[in-house]
Every structure is written in C-alpha cells, then in structure tokens.
Protein backbone atom coordinates (compact mmCIF):
# COMPACT_ATOMS: atom_id res chain seq x y z
CA MET A 1 0.02 0.01 0.00
CA PRO A 2 1.62 3.29 -1.04
CA VAL A 3 2.10 5.85 1.57
CA LYS A 4 0.87 9.29 0.84
CA VAL A 5 3.48 11.91 1.68
CA LYS A 6 2.11 15.28 2.81
CA ASN A 7 3.88 18.22 1.32
CA ASN A 8 4.83 20.65 4.05
CA THR A 9 5.24 24.22 2.76
CA THR A 10 7.01 26.41 5.23
CA SER A 11 6.26 30.08 5.19
CA ASP A 12 9.04 32.62 5.22
CA SER A 13 9.35 33.53 8.93
CA THR A 14 12.55 35.52 8.54
CA THR A 15 12.87 39.16 9.30
CA GLN A 16 13.19 39.92 5.60
CA ARG A 17 9.44 39.17 5.12
CA TYR A 18 8.52 42.17 7.33
CA LEU A 19 10.84 44.66 5.61
CA PRO A 20 9.16 47.04 3.07
CA PHE A 21 11.99 46.91 0.46
CA SER A 22 13.08 44.12 -1.78
CA GLN A 23 16.42 45.12 -3.16
CA ILE A 24 18.99 47.90 -3.79
CA ARG A 25 20.06 48.58 -7.33
CA GLU A 26 22.47 51.38 -8.45
CA ASN A 27 21.93 53.45 -5.25
CA VAL A 28 18.06 53.11 -5.47
CA ILE A 29 15.94 51.28 -2.97
CA ILE A 30 13.22 49.30 -4.68
CA MET A 31 10.23 48.75 -2.49
CA LYS A 32 7.98 45.71 -2.36
CA ASP A 33 4.98 47.89 -3.53
CA ASP A 34 6.87 48.72 -6.80
CA SER A 35 7.78 52.22 -5.57
CA TRP A 36 11.35 53.52 -5.49
CA ARG A 37 13.48 55.61 -3.13
CA LEU A 38 16.61 57.63 -3.41
CA VAL A 39 18.35 59.00 -0.34
CA LEU A 40 20.31 62.24 -0.09
CA GLU A 41 22.54 63.13 2.89
CA CYS A 42 22.41 66.77 3.78
CA SER A 43 25.06 69.00 5.39
CA THR A 44 24.23 71.45 8.14
CA ILE A 45 24.55 75.19 8.71
CA ASN A 46 24.90 76.93 11.97
CA PHE A 47 21.70 78.96 11.89
CA LEU A 48 22.15 80.74 15.19
CA LEU A 49 25.49 82.22 14.12
CA LYS A 50 24.01 83.83 11.12
CA SER A 51 22.86 87.45 11.19
CA GLU A 52 19.18 88.33 11.35
CA GLU A 53 19.14 89.19 7.64
CA GLU A 54 20.89 85.91 6.73
CA GLN A 55 18.45 83.93 8.87
CA ASN A 56 15.53 85.54 7.18
CA ALA A 57 17.03 84.84 3.78
CA ILE A 58 17.52 81.20 4.65
CA ILE A 59 14.00 80.82 5.87
CA MET A 60 12.56 82.40 2.81
CA SER A 61 14.73 80.33 0.52
CA PHE A 62 13.76 77.12 2.32
CA GLN A 63 10.05 78.17 2.03
CA ARG A 64 10.54 78.71 -1.73
CA PHE A 65 12.23 75.26 -2.00
CA LEU A 66 9.26 73.58 -0.35
CA ASN A 67 6.67 75.42 -2.39
CA SER A 68 8.48 74.67 -5.71
CA LEU A 69 8.34 70.99 -5.22
CA ASP A 70 5.71 69.14 -7.35
CA PHE A 71 6.51 65.80 -5.78
CA PRO A 72 6.62 64.51 -2.12
CA VAL A 73 9.75 64.24 -0.13
CA GLN A 74 10.56 62.99 3.32
CA ILE A 75 12.86 64.91 5.55
CA MET A 76 14.50 62.58 8.09
CA VAL A 77 16.47 63.62 11.18
CA ARG A 78 18.25 60.86 12.93
CA SER A 79 20.01 61.09 16.30
CA LYS A 80 22.81 58.60 16.79
CA LYS A 81 25.04 57.89 19.77
CA LEU A 82 28.58 59.16 18.94
CA ASP A 83 31.19 56.50 19.41
CA ILE A 84 34.39 58.23 20.52
CA ASP A 85 36.33 55.08 21.62
CA GLY A 86 38.68 55.41 18.44
CA TYR A 87 39.28 59.08 19.25
CA ILE A 88 40.20 58.26 22.81
CA LYS A 89 42.62 55.49 21.65
CA ASN A 90 44.30 57.94 19.33
CA LEU A 91 44.66 60.44 22.18
CA ASN A 92 46.25 57.65 24.39
CA LYS A 93 48.74 56.98 21.66
CA LEU A 94 49.66 60.64 21.48
CA TRP A 95 49.91 60.73 25.27
CA ASP A 96 52.40 57.81 25.20
CA LYS A 97 54.50 59.45 22.49
CA GLN A 98 54.39 62.90 24.16
CA LYS A 99 57.86 63.95 25.49
CA ASN A 100 56.82 67.26 26.94
CA PRO A 101 55.71 66.54 30.56
CA LEU A 102 53.25 69.52 30.62
CA LEU A 103 51.62 68.44 27.38
CA GLN A 104 51.50 64.84 28.46
CA GLU A 105 49.73 65.80 31.66
CA GLN A 106 47.18 68.05 29.79
CA THR A 107 46.48 65.13 27.34
CA TYR A 108 45.92 62.71 30.25
CA GLU A 109 43.52 65.11 31.90
CA TYR A 110 41.63 65.66 28.65
CA VAL A 111 41.28 61.90 28.09
CA ALA A 112 40.07 61.43 31.69
CA TYR A 113 37.58 64.25 31.11
CA LEU A 114 36.22 62.60 27.98
CA LYS A 115 35.84 59.23 29.71
CA LYS A 116 33.92 60.80 32.58
CA LEU A 117 31.71 62.78 30.14
CA VAL A 118 30.76 59.61 28.28
CA GLU A 119 29.91 57.92 31.59
CA VAL A 120 27.53 60.65 32.73
CA ALA A 121 26.04 61.73 29.42
CA GLN A 122 25.40 60.23 25.95
CA ILE A 123 27.15 62.21 23.26
CA MET A 124 24.77 62.42 20.31
CA LYS A 125 25.16 63.51 16.75
CA LYS A 126 22.30 64.35 14.27
CA GLU A 127 22.18 63.18 10.66
CA PHE A 128 19.90 64.80 8.10
CA TYR A 129 18.40 63.12 5.05
CA ILE A 130 15.94 63.82 2.25
CA ILE A 131 14.29 60.72 0.81
CA ILE A 132 13.04 61.10 -2.68
CA PRO A 133 10.27 58.75 -3.81
CA PHE A 134 8.89 57.73 -7.22
CA ASP A 135 5.66 55.78 -7.70
CA LEU A 136 4.21 54.70 -11.04
CA GLN A 137 0.78 55.06 -9.52
CA GLU A 138 0.89 58.81 -8.92
CA GLU A 139 2.78 58.69 -5.57
CA ARG A 140 0.13 56.53 -4.04
CA SER A 141 2.60 54.75 -1.81
CA VAL A 142 3.56 58.04 -0.04
CA ARG A 143 0.49 60.30 -0.43
CA ASP A 144 -2.08 58.03 1.30
CA SER A 145 -1.39 58.87 4.93
CA SER A 146 -4.90 57.88 6.14
CA PHE A 147 -5.25 55.01 8.64
CA LEU A 148 -6.38 52.69 5.82
CA GLY A 149 -3.48 53.77 3.70
CA VAL A 150 -0.91 53.15 6.39
CA PHE A 151 -2.49 49.71 7.12
CA ARG A 152 -2.55 48.93 3.33
CA ASN A 153 1.16 49.78 2.99
CA PHE A 154 2.08 47.70 6.01
CA TRP A 155 0.09 44.73 4.78
CA LEU A 156 1.65 44.90 1.39
CA ALA A 157 5.11 45.15 2.99
CA ILE A 158 4.71 41.80 4.87
CA ASN A 159 2.67 39.92 2.27
CA ASN A 160 3.92 41.20 -1.07
CA ALA A 161 6.18 38.32 -2.15
CA ASN A 162 8.91 38.85 -4.69
CA ASN A 163 8.56 36.35 -7.51
CA ILE A 164 10.75 36.28 -10.48
CA ILE A 165 8.27 37.88 -12.83
CA LYS A 166 7.84 40.91 -10.57
CA ILE A 167 11.62 41.22 -10.16
CA LYS A 168 12.10 41.16 -13.97
CA THR A 169 9.46 43.79 -14.38
CA GLN A 170 11.24 46.03 -11.79
CA ILE A 171 14.51 45.58 -13.66
CA ARG A 172 12.84 46.38 -17.01
CA ASN A 173 11.38 49.66 -15.61
CA PHE A 174 14.51 50.60 -13.74
CA ASN A 175 16.25 52.81 -16.34
CA SER A 176 13.15 55.01 -16.96
CA VAL A 177 12.43 55.28 -13.23
CA LYS A 178 16.06 56.11 -12.52
CA ARG A 179 15.81 59.12 -14.84
CA TRP A 180 12.79 60.43 -13.08
CA LEU A 181 14.52 60.07 -9.72
CA VAL A 182 17.72 61.78 -11.00
CA ASN A 183 15.69 64.68 -12.26
CA ARG A 184 14.01 65.09 -8.86
CA MET A 185 17.33 64.74 -7.10
CA ASN A 186 18.86 67.53 -9.23
CA THR A 187 15.81 69.71 -8.39
CA VAL A 188 16.36 69.22 -4.72
CA LYS A 189 20.22 69.63 -4.88
CA THR A 190 19.99 72.98 -6.84
CA SER A 191 17.36 74.41 -4.46
CA LEU A 192 19.34 73.53 -1.35
CA ASP A 193 22.63 74.82 -2.72
CA SER A 194 21.10 78.31 -2.66
CA ILE A 195 20.87 78.08 1.12
CA TRP A 196 24.36 76.63 1.54
CA ILE A 197 23.16 73.15 2.27
CA LYS A 198 25.24 70.54 0.41
CA THR A 199 23.66 67.20 -0.51
CA ARG A 200 25.22 63.93 -1.44
CA GLU A 201 23.51 60.84 -2.88
CA LEU A 202 24.10 57.74 -0.70
CA GLN A 203 25.91 54.99 -2.48
CA LYS A 204 24.87 51.37 -2.38
CA GLU A 205 27.24 50.35 0.43
CA GLU A 206 26.04 53.38 2.49
CA LEU A 207 22.41 52.54 1.88
CA ILE A 208 22.94 48.98 3.24
CA LYS A 209 24.52 50.45 6.41
CA PHE A 210 21.81 53.13 6.58
CA LEU A 211 19.03 50.48 6.51
CA THR A 212 20.89 48.12 8.82
CA ASP A 213 21.32 50.94 11.41
CA TYR A 214 17.73 51.98 11.02
CA TYR A 215 16.26 48.58 11.72
CA ASN A 216 18.98 47.62 14.29
CA PRO A 217 19.73 50.83 16.22
CA SER A 218 21.15 49.05 19.23
CA LEU A 219 23.73 47.25 17.02
CA GLU A 220 24.80 50.04 14.79
CA SER A 221 28.34 50.26 16.30
CA HIS A 222 28.83 46.49 16.32
CA THR A 223 27.46 45.28 12.91
CA THR A 224 29.60 44.94 9.84
CA MET A 225 28.43 44.26 6.39
CA GLN A 226 28.89 40.55 5.41
CA GLY A 227 29.87 39.59 1.91
CA GLU A 228 30.16 41.83 -1.13
CA VAL A 229 27.95 44.79 -2.00
CA THR A 230 26.55 42.92 -5.02
CA ASP A 231 25.30 40.18 -2.65
CA TYR A 232 22.48 42.59 -1.55
CA ASN A 233 20.61 42.35 -4.92
CA ILE A 234 18.02 39.60 -5.30
CA ILE A 235 19.47 39.28 -8.90
CA ASN A 236 22.98 40.60 -9.23
CA ASN A 237 23.90 43.17 -11.78
C-alpha cells in the first residue's frame, strides 16, 4: 500500500518578510509595492551664528524650496550615539609618545575628562536626510497617509512576495524610473545649494549600512556588512 506523503510548505518567517523593501540597485531602494526611493545626505549650517538678515534669507529660501516641489519628499532627522572610543585610543597613543611633561599631563587630563563625560551623558550627533520617492501610481505609496493607507502599506510590506516575474518587471522599468529620480534629485540639490546646504547621494554600500542601522539601532556600532555589495541584490547586476 503506497504511503501518501504530505507536502509541508514552510512560510518565510525570517525578518526579511517584514521589511518594506526588496532590493537595492544602483543606489536606488526598490520597495515591495513597486515604488522607489533615493536617499540624499544633507550637510548642516549653524543657523544661530547667522545674522538676522541671513536667517530671514535662509527661511525664505527654504520656504521657496518647499513650495516649488511638485513631488513629495521625506525629511528625516536621525539622532545617533557618537562612538568616540577610536578618538580616545588615538589620544592615548599621542599621550604615550608625548615627550613634553606638561603636554603629556594635559593630554591625560583631557582623556580622563572625555571618559567621565561619556559615563554621565550620551554624546549624540544628528544626521539629516532627504528621501525622494517615485511611484508609477501617482505617488500613491507616499500620499495616502490615512489610517487605511498606512495599514494597506504595512500589509503589502509583509505579504507582497517577490517572484521572478515581478523582479524582472522592476529591472525592466529601472532605467526609466532612475531618470525620473535623478531629475528630482537635481531639483532638490539645486534648491538646497542656494541656502548653503550641500547634498550627497548615498551609495549602495552606504544605503545598506543606513538601513541596517535604522532597523537595528542598538547594534549600529557592532554590525559589519557581510559579503560583497553585489550580494544585496536579489538578482545581481
């Protein structure tokens, strides 16, 4: 009597299932809902040190920048704990090599001060980003901020499987979408240059670290990228 074997299909229970993006290709994050993201890192300006006239000019220029946009953007401000262990190690090396007793004593006191400061307070740094989206469905993935829209995007993120047909479609559309994203990026860069804010497109390796730190904030100073950058494509270039 033949034995009927039951086919057990195991569902994907890994963390990757709950991430909203599917792959990174040529510095562009491809989302599971077929939308796309490009990330710009922004420099900062010391607004409080500017004169009143300069401050007003910056505010007006930034207002004009926002009003001139005909597409949505996300402005992201991220606070990160600053790791100064490497800086302290370099100071200790300088202290060992210092031949002047007075300078050696001052270096020692400075290192002791930094160690005490880290113990009593967290030294934070802020990073600023502008995330530029593109959606073939009239920005539906970012414009629908209602409760149902947020729930829909979350549901798509955890249930939208990436099959080979969908991936090939994303690759086929990539060049045209990339042109749209680059045009938007140039618009943002030109506008922010007028208020002395420099922007820089995050490269693929930086995007991997950016996403890793975002989803694992407690491990950001301990994680290192495994393998090659091209390994982070579902289908390699």
